Protein backbone atom coordinates (compact mmCIF):
# COMPACT_ATOMS: atom_id res chain seq x y z
CA UNK A 1 -0.01 -0.03 0.01
CA UNK A 2 1.20 3.51 -0.75
CA UNK A 3 2.53 5.25 2.38
CA UNK A 4 0.15 8.22 1.80
CA UNK A 5 -2.73 5.96 2.36
CA UNK A 6 -1.30 3.94 5.18
CA UNK A 7 -2.94 4.34 8.60
CA UNK A 8 -0.75 6.33 10.99
CA UNK A 9 1.32 4.28 13.36
CA UNK A 10 0.57 4.57 17.04
CA UNK A 11 2.91 6.84 18.93
CA UNK A 12 4.10 3.95 21.13
CA UNK A 13 5.06 1.95 18.00
CA UNK A 14 7.13 4.83 16.60
CA UNK A 15 8.91 5.22 20.00
CA UNK A 16 9.63 1.42 20.02
CA UNK A 17 11.15 1.54 16.47
CA UNK A 18 13.10 4.59 17.40
CA UNK A 19 14.63 2.76 20.38
CA UNK A 20 15.86 -0.04 18.18
CA UNK A 21 17.67 2.39 15.85
CA UNK A 22 21.23 3.77 16.54
CA UNK A 23 21.06 7.26 18.02
CA UNK A 24 21.85 10.08 15.52
CA UNK A 25 25.32 11.53 15.93
CA UNK A 26 24.12 14.95 17.00
CA UNK A 27 22.68 13.45 20.17
CA UNK A 28 26.13 12.92 21.31
CA UNK A 29 25.99 16.44 22.59
CA UNK A 30 25.51 16.21 26.32
CA UNK A 31 22.20 17.26 27.87
CA UNK A 32 20.66 17.13 31.43
CA UNK A 33 18.66 18.59 34.17
CA UNK A 34 20.50 18.89 37.56
CA UNK A 35 22.28 22.20 37.11
CA UNK A 36 24.73 22.96 39.92
CA UNK A 37 25.84 26.37 38.84
CA UNK A 38 24.84 28.23 41.90
CA UNK A 39 26.36 25.36 43.96
CA UNK A 40 29.58 25.70 42.15
CA UNK A 41 29.85 29.39 42.51
CA UNK A 42 29.01 29.31 46.19
CA UNK A 43 31.49 26.46 46.69
CA UNK A 44 34.25 28.57 45.24
CA UNK A 45 33.22 31.44 47.52
CA UNK A 46 33.20 29.19 50.52
CA UNK A 47 36.56 27.74 49.86
CA UNK A 48 37.95 31.26 49.75
CA UNK A 49 36.28 31.99 52.98
CA UNK A 50 36.98 28.59 54.62
CA UNK A 51 36.13 28.35 58.29
CA UNK A 52 36.12 25.61 60.78
CA UNK A 53 32.93 24.11 62.00
CA UNK A 54 31.77 21.11 64.06
CA UNK A 55 29.73 18.76 61.92
CA UNK A 56 26.51 17.45 63.31
CA UNK A 57 26.93 14.21 61.41
CA UNK A 58 28.66 11.18 62.89
CA UNK A 59 32.43 11.23 62.16
CA UNK A 60 34.09 8.11 60.87
CA UNK A 61 37.80 7.19 60.44
CA UNK A 62 37.23 7.71 56.68
CA UNK A 63 36.07 11.23 57.12
CA UNK A 64 37.78 12.56 60.30
CA UNK A 65 40.99 13.32 58.42
CA UNK A 66 39.22 15.45 55.84
CA UNK A 67 39.48 19.24 56.14
CA UNK A 68 36.38 20.69 57.77
CA UNK A 69 35.27 23.45 55.38
CA UNK A 70 31.98 24.87 54.37
CA UNK A 71 30.59 23.10 51.38
CA UNK A 72 27.47 24.10 49.55
CA UNK A 73 24.64 21.55 49.72
CA UNK A 74 24.19 19.53 46.59
CA UNK A 75 20.71 18.63 47.73
CA UNK A 76 17.77 18.39 45.37
CA UNK A 77 16.38 20.58 44.01
CA UNK A 78 18.94 22.77 42.20
CA UNK A 79 17.59 26.37 42.77
CA UNK A 80 18.80 27.62 39.38
CA UNK A 81 18.32 25.66 36.22
CA UNK A 82 19.97 27.62 33.49
CA UNK A 83 22.97 29.72 32.92
CA UNK A 84 20.93 32.84 32.26
CA UNK A 85 18.78 32.03 35.33
CA UNK A 86 21.91 32.00 37.38
CA UNK A 87 22.79 35.53 36.30
CA UNK A 88 19.31 36.85 36.88
CA UNK A 89 17.99 34.79 39.71
CA UNK A 90 16.38 36.56 42.70
CA UNK A 91 17.24 33.93 45.26
CA UNK A 92 14.57 33.20 47.90
CA UNK A 93 11.63 34.76 46.08
CA UNK A 94 8.46 32.93 46.54
CA UNK A 95 6.27 32.17 43.61
CA UNK A 96 2.62 33.34 43.35
CA UNK A 97 -0.07 30.99 44.65
CA UNK A 98 -2.49 29.75 42.04
CA UNK A 99 -5.58 31.76 42.79
CA UNK A 100 -8.12 33.98 41.03
CA UNK A 101 -8.27 34.13 37.28
CA UNK A 102 -4.54 33.17 37.13
CA UNK A 103 -5.37 29.98 38.93
CA UNK A 104 -8.18 29.13 36.61
CA UNK A 105 -6.09 29.97 33.51
CA UNK A 106 -3.28 27.57 34.85
CA UNK A 107 -5.87 24.89 35.52
CA UNK A 108 -7.09 25.06 31.91
CA UNK A 109 -3.53 24.84 30.62
CA UNK A 110 -2.83 21.86 32.86
CA UNK A 111 -5.92 20.08 31.62
CA UNK A 112 -4.79 20.61 27.96
CA UNK A 113 -1.36 19.31 28.99
CA UNK A 114 -2.97 16.00 29.92
CA UNK A 115 -3.82 15.34 26.27
CA UNK A 116 -0.15 15.34 25.18
CA UNK A 117 1.85 12.05 24.35
CA UNK A 118 4.14 12.94 27.17
CA UNK A 119 1.23 12.57 29.66
CA UNK A 120 0.75 8.94 28.56
CA UNK A 121 4.33 8.14 29.18
CA UNK A 122 4.38 9.91 32.57
CA UNK A 123 1.32 8.00 33.66
CA UNK A 124 3.09 4.73 32.87
CA UNK A 125 6.21 5.93 34.73
CA UNK A 126 3.84 6.84 37.62
CA UNK A 127 2.25 3.52 37.71
CA UNK A 128 5.66 1.82 37.84
CA UNK A 129 6.80 4.08 40.56
CA UNK A 130 3.69 3.28 42.73
CA UNK A 131 4.62 -0.39 42.74
CA UNK A 132 7.98 0.14 44.50
CA UNK A 133 8.21 -0.90 48.08
CA UNK A 134 7.98 1.66 50.90
CA UNK A 135 11.12 2.00 52.88
CA UNK A 136 11.51 2.34 56.68
CA UNK A 137 13.70 5.33 57.36
CA UNK A 138 14.54 6.64 60.75
CA UNK A 139 15.21 10.29 61.62
CA UNK A 140 18.75 9.39 62.76
CA UNK A 141 19.72 7.83 59.34
CA UNK A 142 21.11 9.11 56.18
CA UNK A 143 20.02 8.96 52.56
CA UNK A 144 23.00 7.73 50.51
CA UNK A 145 23.37 8.70 46.76
CA UNK A 146 26.06 7.71 44.29
CA UNK A 147 26.04 9.27 40.88
CA UNK A 148 28.21 10.23 37.85
CA UNK A 149 28.18 13.96 37.02
CA UNK A 150 29.48 16.31 34.34
CA UNK A 151 28.71 19.91 34.88
CA UNK A 152 29.56 23.34 33.61
CA UNK A 153 31.62 25.70 35.76
CA UNK A 154 30.48 29.33 35.04
CA UNK A 155 32.82 31.21 37.39
CA UNK A 156 34.92 32.48 34.44
CA UNK A 157 31.88 33.85 32.64
CA UNK A 158 32.04 30.93 30.11
CA UNK A 159 30.77 27.37 30.51
CA UNK A 160 33.71 25.19 31.24
CA UNK A 161 32.50 21.55 31.16
CA UNK A 162 34.09 19.20 33.66
CA UNK A 163 35.12 15.59 32.96
CA UNK A 164 32.87 12.87 34.26
CA UNK A 165 33.11 12.86 38.13
CA UNK A 166 31.98 10.63 40.93
CA UNK A 167 29.75 12.15 43.63
CA UNK A 168 28.61 10.50 46.84
CA UNK A 169 26.44 12.11 49.43
CA UNK A 170 24.97 11.36 52.85
CA UNK A 171 21.96 13.53 53.70
CA UNK A 172 20.58 13.61 57.20
CA UNK A 173 16.91 12.57 57.55
CA UNK A 174 16.51 14.62 60.84
CA UNK A 175 13.55 17.00 60.44
CA UNK A 176 15.75 19.91 61.58
CA UNK A 177 16.34 22.70 61.28
CA UNK A 178 20.07 21.62 60.84
CA UNK A 179 23.31 23.54 60.37
CA UNK A 180 25.21 20.50 59.08
CA UNK A 181 23.00 18.66 56.67
CA UNK A 182 25.30 15.74 55.82
CA UNK A 183 28.42 14.90 53.95
CA UNK A 184 29.54 15.03 50.26
CA UNK A 185 32.52 13.23 48.87
CA UNK A 186 33.79 14.59 45.42
CA UNK A 187 37.14 14.94 43.75
CA UNK A 188 38.80 13.04 46.59
CA UNK A 189 37.57 15.36 49.32
CA UNK A 190 34.92 14.64 51.92
CA UNK A 191 33.26 17.78 53.19
CA UNK A 192 30.31 18.73 55.34
CA UNK A 193 27.15 19.97 53.70
CA UNK A 194 26.24 23.07 55.59
CA UNK A 195 23.31 25.34 55.68
CA UNK A 196 23.42 28.57 53.75
CA UNK A 197 25.97 31.11 55.02
CA UNK A 198 24.22 33.50 57.37
CA UNK A 199 21.38 31.02 58.11
CA UNK A 200 21.66 31.11 61.89
CA UNK A 201 18.49 29.01 62.34
CA UNK A 202 19.65 26.08 60.09
CA UNK A 203 17.70 24.39 57.31
CA UNK A 204 14.59 22.39 58.10
CA UNK A 205 13.24 19.52 56.04
CA UNK A 206 11.57 20.90 52.91
CA UNK A 207 11.99 21.59 49.28
CA UNK A 208 15.66 22.49 49.76
CA UNK A 209 16.25 19.38 52.03
CA UNK A 210 13.60 16.77 51.08
CA UNK A 211 13.83 13.96 53.73
CA UNK A 212 11.97 10.79 53.16
CA UNK A 213 9.30 11.63 55.81
CA UNK A 214 8.84 15.12 54.45
CA UNK A 215 8.30 13.70 50.98
CA UNK A 216 5.77 11.25 52.39
CA UNK A 217 3.76 14.18 53.89
CA UNK A 218 3.30 15.88 50.52
CA UNK A 219 -0.13 15.69 48.88
CA UNK A 220 -0.56 12.68 46.74
CA UNK A 221 -3.43 14.14 44.69
CA UNK A 222 -1.61 15.41 41.60
CA UNK A 223 -3.65 18.66 41.35
CA UNK A 224 -3.06 19.51 44.94
CA UNK A 225 0.59 18.61 44.71
CA UNK A 226 1.02 20.74 41.62
CA UNK A 227 -0.77 23.77 43.29
CA UNK A 228 1.61 23.35 46.18
CA UNK A 229 4.66 23.24 44.01
CA UNK A 230 3.61 26.31 42.12
CA UNK A 231 3.09 28.12 45.35
CA UNK A 232 6.33 27.06 46.96
CA UNK A 233 8.90 26.91 44.26
CA UNK A 234 11.43 29.73 44.37
CA UNK A 235 11.08 32.19 41.48
CA UNK A 236 13.58 34.11 39.44
CA UNK A 237 12.90 37.36 37.73
CA UNK A 238 11.80 36.68 34.06
CA UNK A 239 11.86 32.94 34.47
CA UNK A 240 9.27 30.70 32.98
CA UNK A 241 7.16 29.72 35.92
CA UNK A 242 6.24 26.34 34.36
CA UNK A 243 9.92 25.59 33.69
CA UNK A 244 10.82 26.41 37.44
CA UNK A 245 8.16 23.98 38.68
CA UNK A 246 9.15 21.26 36.16
CA UNK A 247 12.81 21.58 37.33
CA UNK A 248 11.63 21.54 40.95
CA UNK A 249 9.96 18.26 40.34
CA UNK A 250 13.04 16.98 38.55
CA UNK A 251 15.12 17.87 41.71
CA UNK A 252 13.01 15.45 43.73
CA UNK A 253 13.36 12.50 41.41
CA UNK A 254 15.74 9.61 41.46
CA UNK A 255 16.51 9.54 45.10
CA UNK A 256 14.78 7.80 48.02
CA UNK A 257 11.18 8.79 47.45
CA UNK A 258 8.05 7.23 48.95
CA UNK A 259 6.29 5.32 46.09
CA UNK A 260 2.94 7.31 46.44
CA UNK A 261 4.77 10.62 46.37
CA UNK A 262 6.86 9.55 43.36
CA UNK A 263 3.76 8.53 41.49
CA UNK A 264 2.04 11.82 42.23
CA UNK A 265 5.05 13.81 41.24
CA UNK A 266 5.02 12.20 37.69
CA UNK A 267 1.36 12.72 37.31
CA UNK A 268 1.84 16.39 38.40
CA UNK A 269 4.57 16.91 35.78
CA UNK A 270 2.17 15.53 33.11
CA UNK A 271 -0.04 18.60 33.75
CA UNK A 272 2.72 21.21 33.20
CA UNK A 273 2.29 22.93 29.76
CA UNK A 274 5.16 22.43 27.40
CA UNK A 275 6.33 19.06 28.63
CA UNK A 276 7.15 16.69 25.82
CA UNK A 277 8.68 13.26 25.28
CA UNK A 278 11.60 11.98 23.42
CA UNK A 279 13.16 8.56 22.61
CA UNK A 280 16.63 10.00 21.95
CA UNK A 281 18.03 10.98 25.34
CA UNK A 282 21.07 9.80 27.20
CA UNK A 283 22.36 10.13 30.77
CA UNK A 284 25.82 11.16 31.80
CA UNK A 285 27.35 7.61 31.18
CA UNK A 286 25.58 7.10 27.76
CA UNK A 287 22.63 5.02 28.84
CA UNK A 288 19.86 5.68 26.30
CA UNK A 289 16.31 5.79 27.44
CA UNK A 290 12.91 7.38 27.25
CA UNK A 291 12.94 11.12 27.76
CA UNK A 292 10.65 13.54 29.40
CA UNK A 293 11.77 17.02 28.24
CA UNK A 294 10.92 20.75 28.53
CA UNK A 295 12.36 23.84 26.91
CA UNK A 296 12.72 27.12 28.80
CA UNK A 297 12.23 29.39 25.72
CA UNK A 298 13.10 32.54 27.57
CA UNK A 299 16.60 31.43 28.64
CA UNK A 300 17.24 28.88 25.73
CA UNK A 301 17.75 25.82 27.90
CA UNK A 302 16.38 22.25 27.50
CA UNK A 303 15.97 19.96 30.49
CA UNK A 304 15.71 16.26 29.98
CA UNK A 305 14.85 13.44 32.32
CA UNK A 306 15.97 9.97 31.37
CA UNK A 307 14.04 6.77 32.12
CA UNK A 308 14.81 3.08 31.58
CA UNK A 309 12.72 1.82 28.61
CA UNK A 310 11.96 -1.48 30.26
CA UNK A 311 11.18 -0.73 33.91
CA UNK A 312 10.78 3.10 33.72
CA UNK A 313 13.30 3.68 36.52
CA UNK A 314 14.89 7.12 36.65
CA UNK A 315 18.33 7.01 35.14
CA UNK A 316 19.53 10.58 35.27
CA UNK A 317 18.99 13.92 33.61
CA UNK A 318 20.73 16.45 31.23
CA UNK A 319 20.45 20.12 30.46
CA UNK A 320 22.01 22.19 27.74
CA UNK A 321 21.77 25.51 25.83
CA UNK A 322 19.39 25.66 22.93
CA UNK A 323 20.62 29.03 21.75
CA UNK A 324 23.83 31.02 21.81
CA UNK A 325 24.45 32.93 25.11
CA UNK A 326 27.33 34.83 26.68
CA UNK A 327 28.14 31.45 28.50
CA UNK A 328 28.35 29.36 25.35
CA UNK A 329 26.97 28.23 22.05
CA UNK A 330 23.80 26.34 21.51
CA UNK A 331 24.34 22.72 22.45
CA UNK A 332 26.66 23.58 25.31
CA UNK A 333 26.40 21.18 28.27
CA UNK A 334 25.14 22.73 31.51
CA UNK A 335 24.81 19.54 33.55
CA UNK A 336 24.49 15.83 33.07
CA UNK A 337 23.96 13.14 35.79
CA UNK A 338 23.68 9.25 35.99
CA UNK A 339 22.04 7.84 39.06
CA UNK A 340 23.91 4.69 40.26
CA UNK A 341 22.95 3.80 43.79
CA UNK A 342 20.69 4.89 46.61
CA UNK A 343 20.43 3.49 50.15
CA UNK A 344 19.59 4.18 53.76
CA UNK A 345 22.67 4.06 56.07
CA UNK A 346 23.17 4.64 59.75
CA UNK A 347 26.34 6.85 59.59
CA UNK A 348 27.48 9.53 57.26
CA UNK A 349 30.60 8.73 55.25
CA UNK A 350 30.03 4.92 55.43
CA UNK A 351 29.15 3.35 52.13
CA UNK A 352 26.23 0.85 52.15
CA UNK A 353 26.79 -2.82 51.49
CA UNK A 354 26.15 -3.84 47.89
CA UNK A 355 23.02 -5.84 48.84
CA UNK A 356 21.59 -2.77 50.64
CA UNK A 357 21.69 -0.47 47.58
CA UNK A 358 18.87 0.42 45.27
CA UNK A 359 19.35 1.81 41.79
CA UNK A 360 20.57 0.82 38.33
CA UNK A 361 24.20 -0.05 39.08
């Protein structure tokens, strides 16, 4: 039969065929979601203003010899999600609550978003997440994460992309507020994760420090959860609000998340306008998977979440420039991650046994 008269293939069939084909060469350009630009800048500042502190985490022989210096939290979510946003961000600004006509308009846009192909994929991912087992996590324990990361350092005014690095973190599950939030091991150094400089009250559990119990307390109704995220996600001047919330959700993915909360987060993401899907995405170590993507057209940045095509597990994320900026040309990597292992451990700085880890590696 002539192709012009053939019935259109189902979208899922096209995605399956696309997964069987080799990735086009231009997709070797790195992409991701977890931008750590603000973290990197503040880490440089902190190292210049190094000061001693007494960690609240449990010291171990492996960590006691490390220099005690202030390190910025690499906690989910990243507060700034593009190079331009970094330059323009108004840190700490609270977004507007969905109310009045603006709330009705947003609700209409979210309803329309449910009709997109991305919504069908996100609902399948949500169903898979809901079937994961619930963990028992005590307040005196730590959430362990191991990941591979490439990221752009912007301190010179240009995006200088790092080689692939290993990161490990141990994040306290105490409700807080805390001054020392955990430990991070990167580039051969083990450093405390401290609260923001000048934050005399410490950091409580919340969006900037999402503990397992705090995540479990979030609304599991997708509409209520989305309204909460639109109300609480920090805003930056001129930034697309939908993109900020999309990246806020991305910052909560991949770690130790209660199944019902994870399922609700994916369903909430399906309601955000502009969210799309792709079958040609890769994480930081080259694993190809199904992609949930969104473009911030104001700043010219694309954010991608990468999921395993078989079990829909979260593999990692990428972010890159989609237009030329002062930081770099279109296609320039901003950040790329690959999630390798997650676990609950009793002491910061101590790696979990292989059998205690969850994740894809």
